Amino acid sequence: MVRFIHTYPYLMLSLTMLGVFLAALALTPMRLRAHALLSGVLAAPFALTSVLLVPSYWDPVRVAVFLAGPEDLLFTFAGGGLASAASVRLVRRPLTLRPSLRRIWWRYVAGAVLGLAAGDTCWRMGGTPMTATVMAFCLLTGVVLVRRPELWSLALAGATSYAAVYAAALKLWHVIVPNFGSQWNPAGLWGPSVIGLPLDELVWAAAFGLAWPTFAAYLFDARLQPAPFSPPSEP
């Protein structure tokens, strides 16, 4: 078992994130569990973009690979679901969903095309793989917030909560598997590290947490109840 863990640390990280997501799902109100689950399901296909990062950014050992490995699918599913569940939990304001299959489909395709086009453009202009990915997330978030500015609280909650959880999980596996960091290609990294982790990974987690809950809420035409107004007290 120890040998398996040290051979497939990326799988262990993916399973850890899946476990955290399932725990978060158990704490999510019943009426919002479908939102979190569907957020994960809709995020999962983007695991196929992992092929764009190998080996220029990193080259992890995976159980099997067909464009993407099972680790990529588990990680992306868990990340999408966890980011959405955590952001809704932190905002603590009633969320109403008004999904339409036709609207979900077109918004999903349009968002995917926009993100991929932005990332490809940044990459062709000389950006690193992670720079391109982060720029794509930020552009997608910006476009959604222009259309639905009331979702900004979900964006901020997702960015902080997902980045914190991911950093903790990543640090855990760096401690358990000392050579975990060898999976990254130094030439593809920005260089600096924080708490022993690549800065790229921490910024990516914040950008993903910023973008995905916001995009998922937009897909499902989610509406946040306005925060209660408290008039200023008289002197």
Protein backbone atom coordinates (compact mmCIF):
# COMPACT_ATOMS: atom_id res chain seq x y z
CA MET A 1 0.00 0.00 0.00
CA VAL A 2 2.83 2.40 0.87
CA ARG A 3 4.46 1.68 -2.46
CA PHE A 4 1.18 2.29 -4.29
CA ILE A 5 0.73 5.66 -2.54
CA HIS A 6 4.25 6.76 -3.42
CA THR A 7 3.78 5.60 -7.02
CA TYR A 8 0.45 7.36 -7.56
CA PRO A 9 0.41 10.48 -5.35
CA TYR A 10 -1.77 12.38 -7.84
CA LEU A 11 -4.44 9.69 -7.43
CA MET A 12 -4.20 10.09 -3.66
CA LEU A 13 -4.63 13.86 -3.98
CA SER A 14 -7.64 13.36 -6.24
CA LEU A 15 -9.23 10.92 -3.79
CA THR A 16 -8.58 13.36 -0.95
CA MET A 17 -10.37 16.14 -2.81
CA LEU A 18 -13.21 13.75 -3.61
CA GLY A 19 -13.51 12.86 0.07
CA VAL A 20 -13.64 16.53 1.06
CA PHE A 21 -16.31 17.15 -1.57
CA LEU A 22 -18.46 14.26 -0.31
CA ALA A 23 -18.13 15.59 3.24
CA ALA A 24 -19.13 19.07 2.05
CA LEU A 25 -22.04 17.56 0.14
CA ALA A 26 -23.30 15.90 3.31
CA LEU A 27 -23.36 19.33 4.99
CA THR A 28 -25.09 20.99 2.04
CA PRO A 29 -28.85 21.57 2.36
CA MET A 30 -30.79 18.89 0.50
CA ARG A 31 -32.29 21.34 -1.99
CA LEU A 32 -28.81 22.47 -3.08
CA ARG A 33 -27.13 19.08 -3.35
CA ALA A 34 -28.22 18.64 -6.95
CA HIS A 35 -26.59 22.01 -7.75
CA ALA A 36 -23.26 20.87 -6.25
CA LEU A 37 -23.39 17.47 -7.94
CA LEU A 38 -24.27 18.90 -11.34
CA SER A 39 -21.51 21.48 -10.94
CA GLY A 40 -19.07 18.62 -10.53
CA VAL A 41 -20.50 16.68 -13.46
CA LEU A 42 -20.29 19.70 -15.77
CA ALA A 43 -16.73 20.44 -14.64
CA ALA A 44 -15.54 16.86 -15.27
CA PRO A 45 -15.24 17.10 -19.10
CA PHE A 46 -12.65 19.85 -18.68
CA ALA A 47 -10.34 17.16 -17.33
CA LEU A 48 -9.55 16.54 -21.00
CA THR A 49 -7.69 19.85 -21.08
CA SER A 50 -5.07 18.26 -18.82
CA VAL A 51 -3.41 16.98 -21.98
CA LEU A 52 -2.42 20.59 -22.69
CA LEU A 53 -0.38 20.77 -19.49
CA VAL A 54 1.61 17.54 -19.96
CA PRO A 55 4.59 17.61 -19.99
CA SER A 56 5.15 21.38 -20.37
CA TYR A 57 3.73 22.11 -16.91
CA TRP A 58 3.83 18.78 -15.13
CA ASP A 59 3.93 15.06 -15.85
CA PRO A 60 2.28 13.07 -13.03
CA VAL A 61 2.25 9.28 -12.90
CA ARG A 62 -1.32 8.16 -13.61
CA VAL A 63 -3.02 4.79 -13.35
CA ALA A 64 -4.08 4.93 -17.00
CA VAL A 65 -4.16 7.60 -19.67
CA PHE A 66 -6.53 8.13 -22.57
CA LEU A 67 -6.20 11.86 -23.19
CA ALA A 68 -6.95 12.21 -19.46
CA GLY A 69 -6.48 9.76 -16.62
CA PRO A 70 -9.02 8.70 -13.99
CA GLU A 71 -7.20 11.00 -11.57
CA ASP A 72 -7.93 13.99 -13.81
CA LEU A 73 -11.63 13.14 -13.96
CA LEU A 74 -11.91 12.57 -10.21
CA PHE A 75 -10.00 15.74 -9.42
CA THR A 76 -11.99 17.95 -11.78
CA PHE A 77 -15.36 16.50 -10.73
CA ALA A 78 -14.53 16.95 -7.05
CA GLY A 79 -13.14 20.44 -7.62
CA GLY A 80 -16.20 21.68 -9.49
CA GLY A 81 -18.60 20.28 -6.94
CA LEU A 82 -16.58 21.38 -3.93
CA ALA A 83 -16.07 24.94 -5.17
CA SER A 84 -19.81 25.36 -5.76
CA ALA A 85 -20.85 23.74 -2.47
CA ALA A 86 -18.34 25.73 -0.42
CA SER A 87 -19.17 29.08 -2.02
CA VAL A 88 -22.90 28.67 -1.41
CA ARG A 89 -22.22 27.60 2.17
CA LEU A 90 -20.00 30.59 2.91
CA VAL A 91 -22.31 33.17 1.36
CA ARG A 92 -25.18 31.98 3.59
CA ARG A 93 -27.88 33.59 1.49
CA PRO A 94 -30.83 31.68 0.00
CA LEU A 95 -30.12 30.49 -3.53
CA THR A 96 -32.91 29.87 -6.03
CA LEU A 97 -32.22 27.82 -9.16
CA ARG A 98 -34.15 28.27 -12.39
CA PRO A 99 -32.47 25.77 -14.72
CA SER A 100 -33.36 25.38 -18.37
CA LEU A 101 -31.68 22.60 -20.35
CA ARG A 102 -31.50 24.74 -23.47
CA ARG A 103 -29.99 27.67 -21.58
CA ILE A 104 -27.52 25.44 -19.73
CA TRP A 105 -26.34 23.88 -22.98
CA TRP A 106 -25.71 27.12 -24.86
CA ARG A 107 -24.12 28.89 -21.92
CA TYR A 108 -21.89 25.88 -21.23
CA VAL A 109 -20.66 25.68 -24.82
CA ALA A 110 -20.18 29.44 -25.08
CA GLY A 111 -18.24 29.55 -21.80
CA ALA A 112 -16.05 26.62 -22.83
CA VAL A 113 -15.24 28.19 -26.20
CA LEU A 114 -14.47 31.56 -24.58
CA GLY A 115 -12.21 30.04 -21.94
CA LEU A 116 -10.33 27.78 -24.35
CA ALA A 117 -9.89 30.59 -26.88
CA ALA A 118 -8.57 32.96 -24.20
CA GLY A 119 -6.17 30.36 -22.85
CA ASP A 120 -4.92 29.46 -26.33
CA THR A 121 -4.38 33.12 -27.21
CA CYS A 122 -2.39 33.75 -24.02
CA TRP A 123 -0.31 30.65 -24.61
CA ARG A 124 0.48 31.63 -28.22
CA MET A 125 1.56 35.06 -26.98
CA GLY A 126 4.21 33.40 -24.83
CA GLY A 127 2.42 32.85 -21.54
CA THR A 128 3.18 29.78 -19.46
CA PRO A 129 0.54 27.02 -19.36
CA MET A 130 -0.67 28.14 -15.94
CA THR A 131 -0.69 31.81 -16.89
CA ALA A 132 -2.94 30.92 -19.83
CA THR A 133 -5.23 28.86 -17.60
CA VAL A 134 -5.55 31.57 -14.94
CA MET A 135 -6.22 34.24 -17.56
CA ALA A 136 -8.98 32.09 -19.06
CA PHE A 137 -10.62 31.67 -15.65
CA CYS A 138 -10.43 35.39 -14.90
CA LEU A 139 -11.88 36.37 -18.28
CA LEU A 140 -14.75 33.90 -17.91
CA THR A 141 -15.50 35.25 -14.43
CA GLY A 142 -15.41 38.82 -15.67
CA VAL A 143 -17.83 38.12 -18.52
CA VAL A 144 -20.30 36.37 -16.21
CA LEU A 145 -20.11 39.11 -13.58
CA VAL A 146 -20.76 41.79 -16.20
CA ARG A 147 -24.01 39.98 -16.99
CA ARG A 148 -24.80 38.96 -13.42
CA PRO A 149 -22.95 41.31 -11.01
CA GLU A 150 -24.89 40.02 -8.00
CA LEU A 151 -22.88 36.78 -8.18
CA TRP A 152 -19.68 38.49 -7.01
CA SER A 153 -20.12 37.13 -3.48
CA LEU A 154 -20.13 33.54 -4.81
CA ALA A 155 -16.96 34.31 -6.76
CA LEU A 156 -15.09 35.63 -3.72
CA ALA A 157 -16.34 32.85 -1.44
CA GLY A 158 -15.34 30.20 -3.98
CA ALA A 159 -11.88 31.68 -4.50
CA THR A 160 -10.99 31.78 -0.82
CA SER A 161 -12.56 28.49 0.25
CA TYR A 162 -11.33 26.35 -2.63
CA ALA A 163 -7.81 27.80 -2.50
CA ALA A 164 -7.61 27.05 1.24
CA VAL A 165 -8.86 23.47 0.92
CA TYR A 166 -6.67 22.72 -2.09
CA ALA A 167 -3.56 24.18 -0.46
CA ALA A 168 -4.15 22.06 2.64
CA ALA A 169 -4.65 18.87 0.62
CA LEU A 170 -1.66 19.55 -1.61
CA LYS A 171 0.57 20.29 1.38
CA LEU A 172 -0.60 17.09 3.07
CA TRP A 173 0.56 14.97 0.15
CA HIS A 174 3.82 16.88 -0.15
CA VAL A 175 4.49 15.85 3.47
CA ILE A 176 3.40 12.22 3.00
CA VAL A 177 5.20 11.83 -0.34
CA PRO A 178 8.37 13.96 -0.18
CA ASN A 179 9.01 13.69 -3.93
CA PHE A 180 5.49 14.86 -4.85
CA GLY A 181 6.94 18.10 -6.22
CA SER A 182 9.05 16.24 -8.77
CA GLN A 183 5.95 15.87 -10.95
CA TRP A 184 6.16 19.54 -11.98
CA ASN A 185 8.37 20.75 -14.80
CA PRO A 186 10.52 23.58 -13.36
CA ALA A 187 10.70 25.22 -16.78
CA GLY A 188 6.90 25.55 -16.84
CA LEU A 189 6.57 27.11 -13.37
CA TRP A 190 6.66 30.78 -12.44
CA GLY A 191 9.39 29.98 -9.94
CA PRO A 192 8.33 31.20 -6.48
CA SER A 193 6.84 28.85 -3.92
CA VAL A 194 4.60 29.46 -0.89
CA ILE A 195 4.62 27.12 2.13
CA GLY A 196 6.65 24.76 -0.01
CA LEU A 197 4.07 24.66 -2.82
CA PRO A 198 4.34 26.11 -6.34
CA LEU A 199 2.80 29.57 -6.42
CA ASP A 200 1.21 28.59 -9.73
CA GLU A 201 -0.90 25.94 -8.01
CA LEU A 202 -2.19 28.30 -5.33
CA VAL A 203 -3.09 30.99 -7.84
CA TRP A 204 -4.74 28.36 -10.04
CA ALA A 205 -6.86 27.16 -7.11
CA ALA A 206 -8.00 30.70 -6.32
CA ALA A 207 -8.78 31.38 -9.99
CA PHE A 208 -10.70 28.12 -10.36
CA GLY A 209 -12.61 28.79 -7.15
CA LEU A 210 -13.39 32.25 -8.46
CA ALA A 211 -14.60 31.10 -11.87
CA TRP A 212 -16.37 27.80 -11.49
CA PRO A 213 -19.03 28.57 -8.82
CA THR A 214 -19.82 31.80 -10.67
CA PHE A 215 -20.09 30.04 -14.02
CA ALA A 216 -22.13 27.17 -12.56
CA ALA A 217 -24.55 29.62 -10.94
CA TYR A 218 -24.88 31.36 -14.30
CA LEU A 219 -25.54 28.04 -16.05
CA PHE A 220 -28.38 27.20 -13.68
CA ASP A 221 -29.67 30.80 -13.67
CA ALA A 222 -29.20 30.88 -9.90
CA ARG A 223 -30.53 33.85 -7.97
CA LEU A 224 -29.12 34.94 -4.63
CA GLN A 225 -31.52 36.59 -2.24
CA PRO A 226 -30.28 40.13 -1.53
CA ALA A 227 -28.51 40.59 1.78
CA PRO A 228 -30.79 42.04 4.45
CA PHE A 229 -30.47 45.81 4.80
CA SER A 230 -29.73 47.18 8.23
CA PRO A 231 -30.33 50.96 8.48
CA PRO A 232 -27.61 52.88 10.30
CA SER A 233 -28.33 53.42 13.94
CA GLU A 234 -28.97 56.96 15.08
CA PRO A 235 -26.22 58.63 17.13
